Amino acid sequence: MSTVFPREKDALAFYGSPGTGHVRIRPPYQLWFGDQKVSSILIHGKCADSALRAMERIAATYSPADIHRLGFDAFAGCFNDRDKRGGTTKSMHAYACAIDWNAGRNPLRADHRTASFARPECRAFLDAWEAEGWVSLGRARDYDWMHVQAARL
């Protein structure tokens, strides 16, 4: 069940002001932020159900050992009220409709040759997000492979 999310330019109208409309979701598998356990993600309510469905699909597709080995449990952030890097418009993180995963192996400037999420064994991870209407910046723009967002480009 894919949701049609707004274009980035319409995020304010759809999600409301940054810092509003948040809920907490409990992922179906253990997440880590460095060496700290993450028990929930603060995310906008309008994309929370789809994020949870994507993670449930990931949990059903990959074993717990593979989730850890491939870094799908390496949470790198969701809500962060900031502008886009190098820009003057709000990041999708400001609306809590973007999640970063495994930043260590998928740095901002990594491309399809260097990002771990570009490897074939990670295809189903990104497919799970896209099946819910989320966009992988790695697949769409070949940079920022860590980033998935509930907003179209």
N, C-alpha and C. Protein backbone atom coordinates (compact mmCIF):
# COMPACT_ATOMS: atom_id res chain seq x y z
N MET A 1 0.84 -1.18 0.00
CA MET A 1 0.00 0.00 0.00
C MET A 1 0.88 1.24 0.00
N SER A 2 1.15 1.77 -1.14
CA SER A 2 2.00 2.95 -1.28
C SER A 2 1.19 4.22 -1.04
N THR A 3 1.78 5.14 -0.30
CA THR A 3 1.19 6.45 -0.08
C THR A 3 1.80 7.41 -1.08
N VAL A 4 1.01 8.34 -1.58
CA VAL A 4 1.54 9.38 -2.44
C VAL A 4 1.90 10.56 -1.53
N PHE A 5 3.18 10.77 -1.37
CA PHE A 5 3.65 11.86 -0.52
C PHE A 5 3.84 13.11 -1.37
N PRO A 6 3.92 14.27 -0.72
CA PRO A 6 4.04 15.52 -1.47
C PRO A 6 5.41 15.67 -2.12
N ARG A 7 5.51 16.60 -3.03
CA ARG A 7 6.82 17.01 -3.53
C ARG A 7 7.51 17.79 -2.41
N GLU A 8 8.84 17.81 -2.45
CA GLU A 8 9.58 18.54 -1.43
C GLU A 8 9.06 19.97 -1.27
N LYS A 9 8.78 20.64 -2.39
CA LYS A 9 8.35 22.04 -2.33
C LYS A 9 7.01 22.21 -1.62
N ASP A 10 6.25 21.13 -1.46
CA ASP A 10 4.95 21.18 -0.80
C ASP A 10 4.97 20.56 0.59
N ALA A 11 6.15 20.29 1.11
CA ALA A 11 6.26 19.63 2.43
C ALA A 11 5.63 20.45 3.54
N LEU A 12 5.83 21.75 3.55
CA LEU A 12 5.27 22.59 4.61
C LEU A 12 3.74 22.50 4.61
N ALA A 13 3.13 22.58 3.44
CA ALA A 13 1.67 22.51 3.35
C ALA A 13 1.14 21.14 3.79
N PHE A 14 1.87 20.08 3.47
CA PHE A 14 1.43 18.73 3.80
C PHE A 14 1.72 18.37 5.25
N TYR A 15 2.96 18.61 5.70
CA TYR A 15 3.40 18.17 7.03
C TYR A 15 3.20 19.21 8.12
N GLY A 16 3.05 20.47 7.74
CA GLY A 16 2.94 21.53 8.74
C GLY A 16 4.30 22.02 9.16
N SER A 17 4.33 22.93 10.09
CA SER A 17 5.58 23.53 10.54
C SER A 17 6.53 22.50 11.12
N PRO A 18 7.82 22.66 10.87
CA PRO A 18 8.81 21.75 11.49
C PRO A 18 8.60 21.68 13.00
N GLY A 19 8.72 20.48 13.52
CA GLY A 19 8.55 20.26 14.95
C GLY A 19 7.13 19.93 15.36
N THR A 20 6.21 19.84 14.40
CA THR A 20 4.81 19.53 14.72
C THR A 20 4.40 18.19 14.11
N GLY A 21 3.36 17.60 14.66
CA GLY A 21 2.77 16.38 14.11
C GLY A 21 3.57 15.11 14.34
N HIS A 22 4.47 15.13 15.29
CA HIS A 22 5.33 13.97 15.51
C HIS A 22 4.65 12.88 16.34
N VAL A 23 5.04 11.65 16.05
CA VAL A 23 4.66 10.48 16.83
C VAL A 23 5.93 9.63 16.99
N ARG A 24 5.85 8.65 17.86
CA ARG A 24 6.96 7.70 18.02
C ARG A 24 6.52 6.35 17.49
N ILE A 25 7.41 5.72 16.73
CA ILE A 25 7.15 4.36 16.28
C ILE A 25 8.22 3.45 16.87
N ARG A 26 7.83 2.21 17.13
CA ARG A 26 8.76 1.20 17.65
C ARG A 26 9.11 0.25 16.52
N PRO A 27 10.35 0.29 16.05
CA PRO A 27 10.75 -0.57 14.94
C PRO A 27 10.62 -2.05 15.28
N PRO A 28 10.40 -2.89 14.26
CA PRO A 28 10.22 -4.32 14.49
C PRO A 28 11.54 -5.07 14.72
N TYR A 29 12.66 -4.38 14.65
CA TYR A 29 13.96 -4.98 14.97
C TYR A 29 14.79 -3.93 15.70
N GLN A 30 15.77 -4.41 16.44
CA GLN A 30 16.59 -3.50 17.24
C GLN A 30 17.41 -2.56 16.37
N LEU A 31 17.33 -1.27 16.66
CA LEU A 31 18.14 -0.26 15.99
C LEU A 31 19.24 0.21 16.94
N TRP A 32 20.30 0.73 16.35
CA TRP A 32 21.43 1.24 17.10
C TRP A 32 21.83 2.60 16.56
N PHE A 33 22.20 3.51 17.45
CA PHE A 33 22.81 4.78 17.09
C PHE A 33 24.19 4.73 17.72
N GLY A 34 25.16 4.35 16.90
CA GLY A 34 26.48 4.04 17.47
C GLY A 34 26.35 2.81 18.34
N ASP A 35 26.74 2.91 19.61
CA ASP A 35 26.62 1.77 20.52
C ASP A 35 25.41 1.89 21.45
N GLN A 36 24.51 2.86 21.16
CA GLN A 36 23.32 3.04 21.98
C GLN A 36 22.10 2.41 21.30
N LYS A 37 21.33 1.65 22.08
CA LYS A 37 20.09 1.08 21.56
C LYS A 37 19.08 2.19 21.29
N VAL A 38 18.35 2.03 20.21
CA VAL A 38 17.28 2.96 19.85
C VAL A 38 15.98 2.17 19.94
N SER A 39 15.10 2.59 20.84
CA SER A 39 13.85 1.85 21.03
C SER A 39 12.69 2.44 20.23
N SER A 40 12.81 3.70 19.80
CA SER A 40 11.75 4.31 19.02
C SER A 40 12.32 5.42 18.14
N ILE A 41 11.54 5.78 17.12
CA ILE A 41 11.92 6.85 16.20
C ILE A 41 10.85 7.92 16.27
N LEU A 42 11.27 9.16 16.45
CA LEU A 42 10.37 10.31 16.40
C LEU A 42 10.21 10.69 14.93
N ILE A 43 8.99 10.62 14.42
CA ILE A 43 8.72 10.79 12.99
C ILE A 43 7.37 11.48 12.84
N HIS A 44 7.14 12.08 11.69
CA HIS A 44 5.85 12.73 11.46
C HIS A 44 4.76 11.68 11.34
N GLY A 45 3.62 11.97 11.93
CA GLY A 45 2.50 11.03 11.93
C GLY A 45 1.98 10.68 10.55
N LYS A 46 2.14 11.56 9.57
CA LYS A 46 1.62 11.29 8.23
C LYS A 46 2.47 10.28 7.45
N CYS A 47 3.66 9.97 7.94
CA CYS A 47 4.47 8.96 7.25
C CYS A 47 4.89 7.83 8.19
N ALA A 48 4.41 7.87 9.41
CA ALA A 48 4.81 6.87 10.41
C ALA A 48 4.37 5.46 10.04
N ASP A 49 3.12 5.28 9.63
CA ASP A 49 2.63 3.93 9.30
C ASP A 49 3.40 3.34 8.12
N SER A 50 3.67 4.17 7.12
CA SER A 50 4.41 3.65 5.96
C SER A 50 5.84 3.29 6.34
N ALA A 51 6.46 4.06 7.21
CA ALA A 51 7.82 3.74 7.67
C ALA A 51 7.81 2.41 8.42
N LEU A 52 6.83 2.24 9.27
CA LEU A 52 6.74 0.98 10.02
C LEU A 52 6.51 -0.20 9.09
N ARG A 53 5.66 -0.04 8.08
CA ARG A 53 5.44 -1.12 7.11
C ARG A 53 6.72 -1.44 6.35
N ALA A 54 7.48 -0.43 5.97
CA ALA A 54 8.75 -0.68 5.27
C ALA A 54 9.69 -1.48 6.16
N MET A 55 9.80 -1.10 7.42
CA MET A 55 10.70 -1.82 8.33
C MET A 55 10.19 -3.24 8.60
N GLU A 56 8.88 -3.43 8.66
CA GLU A 56 8.34 -4.78 8.82
C GLU A 56 8.67 -5.63 7.61
N ARG A 57 8.58 -5.05 6.43
CA ARG A 57 8.94 -5.78 5.20
C ARG A 57 10.43 -6.14 5.21
N ILE A 58 11.27 -5.23 5.67
CA ILE A 58 12.71 -5.50 5.78
C ILE A 58 12.94 -6.65 6.76
N ALA A 59 12.24 -6.62 7.89
CA ALA A 59 12.39 -7.67 8.90
C ALA A 59 11.92 -9.02 8.37
N ALA A 60 10.92 -9.01 7.49
CA ALA A 60 10.42 -10.26 6.91
C ALA A 60 11.31 -10.78 5.79
N THR A 61 12.09 -9.89 5.17
CA THR A 61 12.93 -10.25 4.03
C THR A 61 14.32 -10.70 4.45
N TYR A 62 14.87 -10.06 5.46
CA TYR A 62 16.25 -10.32 5.89
C TYR A 62 16.26 -10.97 7.27
N SER A 63 17.24 -11.80 7.51
CA SER A 63 17.41 -12.38 8.85
C SER A 63 17.96 -11.31 9.78
N PRO A 64 17.79 -11.48 11.10
CA PRO A 64 18.39 -10.52 12.03
C PRO A 64 19.90 -10.36 11.83
N ALA A 65 20.57 -11.46 11.53
CA ALA A 65 22.02 -11.37 11.30
C ALA A 65 22.33 -10.55 10.05
N ASP A 66 21.54 -10.72 8.99
CA ASP A 66 21.76 -9.94 7.77
C ASP A 66 21.39 -8.47 7.98
N ILE A 67 20.34 -8.19 8.72
CA ILE A 67 19.99 -6.80 9.04
C ILE A 67 21.17 -6.11 9.71
N HIS A 68 21.80 -6.80 10.63
CA HIS A 68 22.95 -6.21 11.32
C HIS A 68 24.18 -6.12 10.40
N ARG A 69 24.47 -7.19 9.70
CA ARG A 69 25.64 -7.23 8.82
C ARG A 69 25.58 -6.16 7.74
N LEU A 70 24.40 -5.93 7.19
CA LEU A 70 24.24 -4.96 6.11
C LEU A 70 24.01 -3.54 6.63
N GLY A 71 23.84 -3.40 7.93
CA GLY A 71 23.71 -2.07 8.53
C GLY A 71 22.33 -1.46 8.48
N PHE A 72 21.30 -2.26 8.29
CA PHE A 72 19.94 -1.73 8.27
C PHE A 72 19.46 -1.37 9.67
N ASP A 73 20.22 -1.77 10.67
CA ASP A 73 19.89 -1.44 12.05
C ASP A 73 20.67 -0.22 12.55
N ALA A 74 21.49 0.38 11.69
CA ALA A 74 22.32 1.52 12.07
C ALA A 74 21.56 2.82 11.80
N PHE A 75 20.75 3.22 12.75
CA PHE A 75 19.94 4.42 12.65
C PHE A 75 20.85 5.65 12.73
N ALA A 76 20.64 6.60 11.81
CA ALA A 76 21.49 7.79 11.79
C ALA A 76 20.68 9.08 11.90
N GLY A 77 19.39 9.00 12.18
CA GLY A 77 18.60 10.19 12.44
C GLY A 77 17.35 10.32 11.62
N CYS A 78 16.39 11.06 12.20
CA CYS A 78 15.13 11.37 11.51
C CYS A 78 14.86 12.86 11.69
N PHE A 79 14.20 13.27 12.77
CA PHE A 79 13.88 14.69 12.95
C PHE A 79 15.13 15.51 13.29
N ASN A 80 15.31 16.59 12.51
CA ASN A 80 16.38 17.55 12.76
C ASN A 80 15.97 18.84 12.06
N ASP A 81 15.56 19.83 12.82
CA ASP A 81 15.05 21.07 12.25
C ASP A 81 16.22 21.90 11.72
N ARG A 82 16.54 21.67 10.44
CA ARG A 82 17.67 22.35 9.81
C ARG A 82 17.38 22.56 8.33
N ASP A 83 18.19 23.43 7.72
CA ASP A 83 18.13 23.61 6.27
C ASP A 83 18.90 22.48 5.60
N LYS A 84 18.65 22.32 4.30
CA LYS A 84 19.43 21.37 3.51
C LYS A 84 20.89 21.79 3.54
N ARG A 85 21.78 20.83 3.51
CA ARG A 85 23.20 21.17 3.48
C ARG A 85 23.51 22.05 2.28
N GLY A 86 24.13 23.18 2.55
CA GLY A 86 24.51 24.10 1.49
C GLY A 86 23.35 24.86 0.87
N GLY A 87 22.16 24.78 1.48
CA GLY A 87 20.99 25.43 0.91
C GLY A 87 20.29 26.36 1.88
N THR A 88 19.17 26.89 1.43
CA THR A 88 18.39 27.81 2.26
C THR A 88 16.96 27.33 2.47
N THR A 89 16.63 26.14 1.95
CA THR A 89 15.31 25.57 2.17
C THR A 89 15.42 24.47 3.21
N LYS A 90 14.31 24.19 3.85
CA LYS A 90 14.30 23.20 4.92
C LYS A 90 14.61 21.80 4.39
N SER A 91 15.40 21.09 5.16
CA SER A 91 15.66 19.67 4.91
C SER A 91 14.37 18.89 5.17
N MET A 92 14.22 17.76 4.53
CA MET A 92 13.08 16.91 4.84
C MET A 92 13.16 16.37 6.27
N HIS A 93 14.37 16.37 6.83
CA HIS A 93 14.51 15.99 8.24
C HIS A 93 13.79 16.99 9.15
N ALA A 94 13.68 18.25 8.73
CA ALA A 94 12.99 19.26 9.54
C ALA A 94 11.51 18.91 9.69
N TYR A 95 10.96 18.20 8.71
CA TYR A 95 9.56 17.78 8.77
C TYR A 95 9.40 16.38 9.35
N ALA A 96 10.50 15.78 9.76
CA ALA A 96 10.50 14.42 10.33
C ALA A 96 9.93 13.41 9.34
N CYS A 97 10.22 13.64 8.04
CA CYS A 97 9.74 12.71 7.01
C CYS A 97 10.91 12.11 6.24
N ALA A 98 12.09 12.12 6.86
CA ALA A 98 13.28 11.52 6.25
C ALA A 98 14.04 10.76 7.33
N ILE A 99 14.64 9.66 6.92
CA ILE A 99 15.43 8.84 7.84
C ILE A 99 16.77 8.56 7.17
N ASP A 100 17.82 8.68 7.96
CA ASP A 100 19.16 8.30 7.50
C ASP A 100 19.54 6.98 8.15
N TRP A 101 20.17 6.12 7.36
CA TRP A 101 20.58 4.78 7.79
C TRP A 101 22.05 4.56 7.47
N ASN A 102 22.77 4.00 8.40
CA ASN A 102 24.14 3.53 8.18
C ASN A 102 25.01 4.59 7.49
N ALA A 103 25.10 5.74 8.12
CA ALA A 103 25.87 6.85 7.56
C ALA A 103 27.35 6.51 7.40
N GLY A 104 27.86 5.65 8.24
CA GLY A 104 29.28 5.29 8.16
C GLY A 104 29.67 4.61 6.87
N ARG A 105 28.77 3.78 6.34
CA ARG A 105 29.06 3.06 5.10
C ARG A 105 28.37 3.66 3.88
N ASN A 106 27.63 4.74 4.11
CA ASN A 106 26.90 5.43 3.04
C ASN A 106 27.03 6.93 3.21
N PRO A 107 28.26 7.44 3.22
CA PRO A 107 28.43 8.88 3.46
C PRO A 107 27.76 9.72 2.38
N LEU A 108 27.51 10.98 2.72
CA LEU A 108 26.77 11.89 1.85
C LEU A 108 27.24 11.85 0.40
N ARG A 109 28.53 11.90 0.17
CA ARG A 109 29.04 12.01 -1.20
C ARG A 109 29.35 10.65 -1.85
N ALA A 110 29.02 9.56 -1.19
CA ALA A 110 29.22 8.24 -1.79
C ALA A 110 28.30 8.10 -3.01
N ASP A 111 28.75 7.33 -3.99
CA ASP A 111 27.92 7.08 -5.15
C ASP A 111 27.71 5.58 -5.31
N HIS A 112 27.15 5.17 -6.46
CA HIS A 112 26.81 3.77 -6.66
C HIS A 112 28.04 2.85 -6.62
N ARG A 113 29.22 3.40 -6.78
CA ARG A 113 30.44 2.59 -6.73
C ARG A 113 30.94 2.39 -5.30
N THR A 114 30.58 3.29 -4.39
CA THR A 114 31.17 3.25 -3.05
C THR A 114 30.17 3.06 -1.91
N ALA A 115 28.90 3.36 -2.11
CA ALA A 115 27.90 3.24 -1.05
C ALA A 115 27.53 1.77 -0.84
N SER A 116 27.48 1.35 0.40
CA SER A 116 27.11 -0.05 0.67
C SER A 116 25.67 -0.34 0.26
N PHE A 117 24.77 0.64 0.37
CA PHE A 117 23.38 0.40 0.01
C PHE A 117 23.17 0.27 -1.49
N ALA A 118 24.18 0.57 -2.29
CA ALA A 118 24.08 0.40 -3.74
C ALA A 118 24.36 -1.04 -4.17
N ARG A 119 24.83 -1.87 -3.22
CA ARG A 119 25.14 -3.26 -3.56
C ARG A 119 23.86 -4.07 -3.77
N PRO A 120 23.94 -5.10 -4.61
CA PRO A 120 22.75 -5.91 -4.91
C PRO A 120 22.07 -6.51 -3.68
N GLU A 121 22.82 -6.89 -2.67
CA GLU A 121 22.19 -7.51 -1.49
C GLU A 121 21.36 -6.53 -0.67
N CYS A 122 21.45 -5.23 -0.98
CA CYS A 122 20.66 -4.21 -0.28
C CYS A 122 19.43 -3.78 -1.07
N ARG A 123 19.27 -4.35 -2.25
CA ARG A 123 18.17 -3.95 -3.14
C ARG A 123 16.80 -4.05 -2.44
N ALA A 124 16.54 -5.13 -1.75
CA ALA A 124 15.22 -5.31 -1.11
C ALA A 124 14.99 -4.30 0.02
N PHE A 125 16.06 -3.83 0.66
CA PHE A 125 15.94 -2.79 1.69
C PHE A 125 15.36 -1.52 1.07
N LEU A 126 15.96 -1.07 -0.03
CA LEU A 126 15.46 0.14 -0.68
C LEU A 126 14.11 -0.10 -1.36
N ASP A 127 13.90 -1.29 -1.89
CA ASP A 127 12.60 -1.63 -2.47
C ASP A 127 11.48 -1.50 -1.44
N ALA A 128 11.76 -1.89 -0.19
CA ALA A 128 10.75 -1.82 0.87
C ALA A 128 10.31 -0.37 1.10
N TRP A 129 11.26 0.54 1.09
CA TRP A 129 10.92 1.96 1.27
C TRP A 129 10.15 2.48 0.06
N GLU A 130 10.64 2.17 -1.12
CA GLU A 130 9.99 2.69 -2.32
C GLU A 130 8.59 2.11 -2.51
N ALA A 131 8.36 0.89 -2.06
CA ALA A 131 7.03 0.29 -2.14
C ALA A 131 6.01 1.07 -1.30
N GLU A 132 6.51 1.82 -0.33
CA GLU A 132 5.66 2.63 0.54
C GLU A 132 5.59 4.09 0.09
N GLY A 133 6.19 4.39 -1.06
CA GLY A 133 6.13 5.75 -1.59
C GLY A 133 7.29 6.63 -1.18
N TRP A 134 8.26 6.07 -0.45
CA TRP A 134 9.43 6.84 -0.06
C TRP A 134 10.42 6.91 -1.22
N VAL A 135 11.31 7.89 -1.18
CA VAL A 135 12.32 8.09 -2.21
C VAL A 135 13.70 7.82 -1.62
N SER A 136 14.50 7.04 -2.31
CA SER A 136 15.91 6.85 -1.96
C SER A 136 16.70 7.86 -2.77
N LEU A 137 17.38 8.79 -2.08
CA LEU A 137 18.20 9.75 -2.82
C LEU A 137 19.35 9.05 -3.55
N GLY A 138 19.83 7.94 -3.01
CA GLY A 138 20.87 7.19 -3.69
C GLY A 138 20.41 6.71 -5.05
N ARG A 139 19.27 6.07 -5.08
CA ARG A 139 18.76 5.58 -6.36
C ARG A 139 18.34 6.72 -7.28
N ALA A 140 17.75 7.75 -6.73
CA ALA A 140 17.24 8.84 -7.56
C ALA A 140 18.32 9.79 -8.06
N ARG A 141 19.34 10.03 -7.22
CA ARG A 141 20.33 11.05 -7.57
C ARG A 141 21.78 10.57 -7.47
N ASP A 142 21.98 9.34 -7.02
CA ASP A 142 23.30 8.74 -6.87
C ASP A 142 24.21 9.50 -5.89
N TYR A 143 23.62 10.00 -4.82
CA TYR A 143 24.37 10.53 -3.68
C TYR A 143 23.46 10.39 -2.46
N ASP A 144 24.04 10.52 -1.29
CA ASP A 144 23.28 10.43 -0.02
C ASP A 144 22.47 9.13 0.06
N TRP A 145 23.17 8.02 -0.19
CA TRP A 145 22.53 6.70 -0.19
C TRP A 145 21.95 6.32 1.17
N MET A 146 22.36 7.00 2.24
CA MET A 146 21.82 6.71 3.57
C MET A 146 20.38 7.19 3.72
N HIS A 147 19.93 8.10 2.88
CA HIS A 147 18.71 8.90 3.06
C HIS A 147 17.52 8.35 2.30
N VAL A 148 16.42 8.14 3.02
CA VAL A 148 15.12 7.87 2.42
C VAL A 148 14.15 8.92 2.93
N GLN A 149 13.22 9.34 2.08
CA GLN A 149 12.31 10.40 2.49
C GLN A 149 10.91 10.17 1.97
N ALA A 150 9.94 10.61 2.76
CA ALA A 150 8.54 10.53 2.39
C ALA A 150 8.14 11.86 1.74
N ALA A 151 8.85 12.17 0.68
CA ALA A 151 8.57 13.36 -0.14
C ALA A 151 9.20 13.12 -1.51
N ARG A 152 8.45 13.44 -2.55
CA ARG A 152 8.96 13.26 -3.90
C ARG A 152 9.88 14.41 -4.28
N LEU A 153 10.75 14.16 -5.23
CA LEU A 153 11.70 15.20 -5.67
C LEU A 153 11.05 16.19 -6.63
